[in-house]
């Protein structure tokens, strides 16, 4: 924020490729959530063979 305060700018994203960055970030979040779900499902289905 110091840069925005110094130069009197809003600090908003002005890059023309910001939409691509947001899309890649959203895709990474979806993949991370899917991977977490798959991992949790596999761990739940795996037999423990007497271990807790």
PDB file of N, CA and C in Angstrom:
ATOM      1  N   UNK A   1       0.820  -1.193   0.000  1.00  0.00           N
ATOM      2  CA  UNK A   1       0.000   0.000   0.000  1.00  0.00           C
ATOM      3  C   UNK A   1       0.858   1.249   0.000  1.00  0.00           C
ATOM      4  N   UNK A   2       2.089   1.171   0.436  1.00  0.00           N
ATOM      5  CA  UNK A   2       2.939   2.350   0.478  1.00  0.00           C
ATOM      6  C   UNK A   2       3.086   2.950  -0.915  1.00  0.00           C
ATOM      7  N   UNK A   3       3.189   2.105  -1.921  1.00  0.00           N
ATOM      8  CA  UNK A   3       3.304   2.593  -3.286  1.00  0.00           C
ATOM      9  C   UNK A   3       2.045   3.334  -3.712  1.00  0.00           C
ATOM     10  N   UNK A   4       0.896   2.805  -3.361  1.00  0.00           N
ATOM     11  CA  UNK A   4      -0.375   3.449  -3.708  1.00  0.00           C
ATOM     12  C   UNK A   4      -0.516   4.775  -2.966  1.00  0.00           C
ATOM     13  N   UNK A   5      -0.085   4.824  -1.722  1.00  0.00           N
ATOM     14  CA  UNK A   5      -0.174   6.066  -0.960  1.00  0.00           C
ATOM     15  C   UNK A   5       0.789   7.112  -1.492  1.00  0.00           C
ATOM     16  N   UNK A   6       1.988   6.684  -1.876  1.00  0.00           N
ATOM     17  CA  UNK A   6       3.003   7.619  -2.349  1.00  0.00           C
ATOM     18  C   UNK A   6       2.615   8.264  -3.665  1.00  0.00           C
ATOM     19  N   UNK A   7       2.139   7.469  -4.608  1.00  0.00           N
ATOM     20  CA  UNK A   7       1.862   7.973  -5.941  1.00  0.00           C
ATOM     21  C   UNK A   7       0.390   8.305  -6.176  1.00  0.00           C
ATOM     22  N   UNK A   8      -0.437   8.164  -5.175  1.00  0.00           N
ATOM     23  CA  UNK A   8      -1.845   8.528  -5.308  1.00  0.00           C
ATOM     24  C   UNK A   8      -2.605   7.644  -6.286  1.00  0.00           C
ATOM     25  N   UNK A   9      -2.257   6.370  -6.313  1.00  0.00           N
ATOM     26  CA  UNK A   9      -2.951   5.431  -7.193  1.00  0.00           C
ATOM     27  C   UNK A   9      -3.815   4.517  -6.343  1.00  0.00           C
ATOM     28  N   UNK A  10      -4.731   3.804  -6.984  1.00  0.00           N
ATOM     29  CA  UNK A  10      -5.651   2.970  -6.224  1.00  0.00           C
ATOM     30  C   UNK A  10      -5.043   1.635  -5.818  1.00  0.00           C
ATOM     31  N   UNK A  11      -4.003   1.212  -6.497  1.00  0.00           N
ATOM     32  CA  UNK A  11      -3.390  -0.071  -6.194  1.00  0.00           C
ATOM     33  C   UNK A  11      -4.091  -1.232  -6.874  1.00  0.00           C
ATOM     34  N   UNK A  12      -5.067  -0.944  -7.720  1.00  0.00           N
ATOM     35  CA  UNK A  12      -5.788  -2.008  -8.424  1.00  0.00           C
ATOM     36  C   UNK A  12      -4.902  -2.624  -9.506  1.00  0.00           C
ATOM     37  N   UNK A  13      -5.253  -3.815  -9.909  1.00  0.00           N
ATOM     38  CA  UNK A  13      -4.506  -4.514 -10.941  1.00  0.00           C
ATOM     39  C   UNK A  13      -4.791  -3.879 -12.299  1.00  0.00           C
ATOM     40  N   UNK A  14      -3.741  -3.454 -12.979  1.00  0.00           N
ATOM     41  CA  UNK A  14      -3.917  -2.802 -14.278  1.00  0.00           C
ATOM     42  C   UNK A  14      -3.312  -3.611 -15.422  1.00  0.00           C
ATOM     43  N   UNK A  15      -2.852  -4.807 -15.150  1.00  0.00           N
ATOM     44  CA  UNK A  15      -2.203  -5.619 -16.173  1.00  0.00           C
ATOM     45  C   UNK A  15      -3.248  -6.143 -17.157  1.00  0.00           C
ATOM     46  N   UNK A  16      -2.931  -6.115 -18.448  1.00  0.00           N
ATOM     47  CA  UNK A  16      -3.886  -6.631 -19.435  1.00  0.00           C
ATOM     48  C   UNK A  16      -4.061  -8.152 -19.347  1.00  0.00           C
ATOM     49  N   UNK A  17      -3.108  -8.834 -18.770  1.00  0.00           N
ATOM     50  CA  UNK A  17      -3.191 -10.287 -18.663  1.00  0.00           C
ATOM     51  C   UNK A  17      -3.716 -10.737 -17.300  1.00  0.00           C
ATOM     52  N   UNK A  18      -4.305  -9.830 -16.542  1.00  0.00           N
ATOM     53  CA  UNK A  18      -4.782 -10.184 -15.205  1.00  0.00           C
ATOM     54  C   UNK A  18      -5.870 -11.247 -15.248  1.00  0.00           C
ATOM     55  N   UNK A  19      -6.692 -11.251 -16.287  1.00  0.00           N
ATOM     56  CA  UNK A  19      -7.740 -12.262 -16.399  1.00  0.00           C
ATOM     57  C   UNK A  19      -7.136 -13.650 -16.512  1.00  0.00           C
ATOM     58  N   UNK A  20      -6.039 -13.764 -17.243  1.00  0.00           N
ATOM     59  CA  UNK A  20      -5.359 -15.057 -17.376  1.00  0.00           C
ATOM     60  C   UNK A  20      -4.790 -15.493 -16.030  1.00  0.00           C
ATOM     61  N   UNK A  21      -4.198 -14.552 -15.296  1.00  0.00           N
ATOM     62  CA  UNK A  21      -3.651 -14.883 -13.977  1.00  0.00           C
ATOM     63  C   UNK A  21      -4.750 -15.348 -13.028  1.00  0.00           C
ATOM     64  N   UNK A  22      -5.886 -14.663 -13.054  1.00  0.00           N
ATOM     65  CA  UNK A  22      -7.000 -15.064 -12.204  1.00  0.00           C
ATOM     66  C   UNK A  22      -7.534 -16.441 -12.608  1.00  0.00           C
ATOM     67  N   UNK A  23      -7.593 -16.723 -13.886  1.00  0.00           N
ATOM     68  CA  UNK A  23      -8.079 -18.026 -14.349  1.00  0.00           C
ATOM     69  C   UNK A  23      -7.127 -19.143 -13.944  1.00  0.00           C
ATOM     70  N   UNK A  24      -5.830 -18.906 -14.071  1.00  0.00           N
ATOM     71  CA  UNK A  24      -4.845 -19.920 -13.669  1.00  0.00           C
ATOM     72  C   UNK A  24      -4.910 -20.143 -12.164  1.00  0.00           C
ATOM     73  N   UNK A  25      -5.054 -19.079 -11.396  1.00  0.00           N
ATOM     74  CA  UNK A  25      -5.166 -19.219  -9.941  1.00  0.00           C
ATOM     75  C   UNK A  25      -6.428 -19.987  -9.560  1.00  0.00           C
ATOM     76  N   UNK A  26      -7.531 -19.712 -10.232  1.00  0.00           N
ATOM     77  CA  UNK A  26      -8.777 -20.429  -9.942  1.00  0.00           C
ATOM     78  C   UNK A  26      -8.651 -21.900 -10.314  1.00  0.00           C
ATOM     79  N   UNK A  27      -7.998 -22.190 -11.443  1.00  0.00           N
ATOM     80  CA  UNK A  27      -7.796 -23.583 -11.848  1.00  0.00           C
ATOM     81  C   UNK A  27      -6.900 -24.308 -10.855  1.00  0.00           C
ATOM     82  N   UNK A  28      -5.879 -23.641 -10.349  1.00  0.00           N
ATOM     83  CA  UNK A  28      -4.998 -24.249  -9.356  1.00  0.00           C
ATOM     84  C   UNK A  28      -5.756 -24.543  -8.064  1.00  0.00           C
ATOM     85  N   UNK A  29      -6.643 -23.647  -7.677  1.00  0.00           N
ATOM     86  CA  UNK A  29      -7.445 -23.869  -6.473  1.00  0.00           C
ATOM     87  C   UNK A  29      -8.369 -25.066  -6.658  1.00  0.00           C
ATOM     88  N   UNK A  30      -9.013 -25.162  -7.813  1.00  0.00           N
ATOM     89  CA  UNK A  30      -9.905 -26.296  -8.091  1.00  0.00           C
ATOM     90  C   UNK A  30      -9.112 -27.601  -8.078  1.00  0.00           C
ATOM     91  N   UNK A  31      -7.938 -27.608  -8.679  1.00  0.00           N
ATOM     92  CA  UNK A  31      -7.108 -28.818  -8.697  1.00  0.00           C
ATOM     93  C   UNK A  31      -6.659 -29.200  -7.290  1.00  0.00           C
ATOM     94  N   UNK A  32      -6.288 -28.214  -6.486  1.00  0.00           N
ATOM     95  CA  UNK A  32      -5.867 -28.498  -5.117  1.00  0.00           C
ATOM     96  C   UNK A  32      -7.009 -29.089  -4.295  1.00  0.00           C
ATOM     97  N   UNK A  33      -8.202 -28.537  -4.460  1.00  0.00           N
ATOM     98  CA  UNK A  33      -9.365 -29.072  -3.743  1.00  0.00           C
ATOM     99  C   UNK A  33      -9.715 -30.480  -4.221  1.00  0.00           C
ATOM    100  N   UNK A  34      -9.614 -30.712  -5.525  1.00  0.00           N
ATOM    101  CA  UNK A  34      -9.900 -32.044  -6.064  1.00  0.00           C
ATOM    102  C   UNK A  34      -8.874 -33.051  -5.561  1.00  0.00           C
ATOM    103  N   UNK A  35      -7.615 -32.668  -5.538  1.00  0.00           N
ATOM    104  CA  UNK A  35      -6.570 -33.563  -5.045  1.00  0.00           C
ATOM    105  C   UNK A  35      -6.775 -33.884  -3.567  1.00  0.00           C
ATOM    106  N   UNK A  36      -7.165 -32.880  -2.800  1.00  0.00           N
ATOM    107  CA  UNK A  36      -7.446 -33.117  -1.379  1.00  0.00           C
ATOM    108  C   UNK A  36      -8.618 -34.066  -1.209  1.00  0.00           C
ATOM    109  N   UNK A  37      -9.645 -33.910  -2.026  1.00  0.00           N
ATOM    110  CA  UNK A  37     -10.802 -34.805  -1.954  1.00  0.00           C
ATOM    111  C   UNK A  37     -10.459 -36.224  -2.337  1.00  0.00           C
ATOM    112  N   UNK A  38      -9.673 -36.394  -3.399  1.00  0.00           N
ATOM    113  CA  UNK A  38      -9.258 -37.735  -3.829  1.00  0.00           C
ATOM    114  C   UNK A  38      -8.397 -38.389  -2.761  1.00  0.00           C
ATOM    115  N   UNK A  39      -7.483 -37.630  -2.185  1.00  0.00           N
ATOM    116  CA  UNK A  39      -6.617 -38.171  -1.139  1.00  0.00           C
ATOM    117  C   UNK A  39      -7.427 -38.589   0.078  1.00  0.00           C
ATOM    118  N   UNK A  40      -8.384 -37.760   0.482  1.00  0.00           N
ATOM    119  CA  UNK A  40      -9.223 -38.098   1.636  1.00  0.00           C
ATOM    120  C   UNK A  40     -10.061 -39.333   1.352  1.00  0.00           C
ATOM    121  N   UNK A  41     -10.577 -39.456   0.132  1.00  0.00           N
ATOM    122  CA  UNK A  41     -11.383 -40.619  -0.231  1.00  0.00           C
ATOM    123  C   UNK A  41     -10.543 -41.885  -0.244  1.00  0.00           C
ATOM    124  N   UNK A  42      -9.358 -41.821  -0.791  1.00  0.00           N
ATOM    125  CA  UNK A  42      -8.486 -43.001  -0.816  1.00  0.00           C
ATOM    126  C   UNK A  42      -8.075 -43.418   0.581  1.00  0.00           C
ATOM    127  N   UNK A  43      -7.766 -42.458   1.437  1.00  0.00           N
ATOM    128  CA  UNK A  43      -7.364 -42.782   2.803  1.00  0.00           C
ATOM    129  C   UNK A  43      -8.515 -43.374   3.594  1.00  0.00           C
ATOM    130  N   UNK A  44      -9.728 -42.964   3.294  1.00  0.00           N
ATOM    131  CA  UNK A  44     -10.882 -43.492   4.014  1.00  0.00           C
ATOM    132  C   UNK A  44     -11.199 -44.915   3.576  1.00  0.00           C
ATOM    133  N   UNK A  45     -10.981 -45.237   2.319  1.00  0.00           N
ATOM    134  CA  UNK A  45     -11.315 -46.563   1.798  1.00  0.00           C
ATOM    135  C   UNK A  45     -10.233 -47.593   2.062  1.00  0.00           C
ATOM    136  N   UNK A  46      -9.011 -47.160   2.321  1.00  0.00           N
ATOM    137  CA  UNK A  46      -7.896 -48.078   2.504  1.00  0.00           C
ATOM    138  C   UNK A  46      -8.057 -48.860   3.801  1.00  0.00           C
ATOM    139  N   UNK A  47      -7.954 -50.188   3.753  1.00  0.00           N
ATOM    140  CA  UNK A  47      -8.048 -50.977   4.988  1.00  0.00           C
ATOM    141  C   UNK A  47      -6.837 -50.706   5.872  1.00  0.00           C
ATOM    142  N   UNK A  48      -7.060 -50.706   7.189  1.00  0.00           N
ATOM    143  CA  UNK A  48      -5.969 -50.381   8.115  1.00  0.00           C
ATOM    144  C   UNK A  48      -5.248 -51.643   8.607  1.00  0.00           C
ATOM    145  N   UNK A  49      -5.847 -52.808   8.450  1.00  0.00           N
ATOM    146  CA  UNK A  49      -5.247 -54.064   8.897  1.00  0.00           C
ATOM    147  C   UNK A  49      -4.872 -54.026  10.378  1.00  0.00           C
ATOM    148  N   UNK A  50      -5.788 -53.508  11.207  1.00  0.00           N
ATOM    149  CA  UNK A  50      -5.586 -53.515  12.637  1.00  0.00           C
ATOM    150  C   UNK A  50      -4.848 -52.317  13.173  1.00  0.00           C
ATOM    151  N   UNK A  51      -4.360 -51.462  12.314  1.00  0.00           N
ATOM    152  CA  UNK A  51      -3.671 -50.249  12.798  1.00  0.00           C
ATOM    153  C   UNK A  51      -4.701 -49.140  12.926  1.00  0.00           C
ATOM    154  N   UNK A  52      -4.444 -48.245  13.889  1.00  0.00           N
ATOM    155  CA  UNK A  52      -5.383 -47.130  14.056  1.00  0.00           C
ATOM    156  C   UNK A  52      -4.891 -45.868  13.415  1.00  0.00           C
TER     157      UNK A  52
END
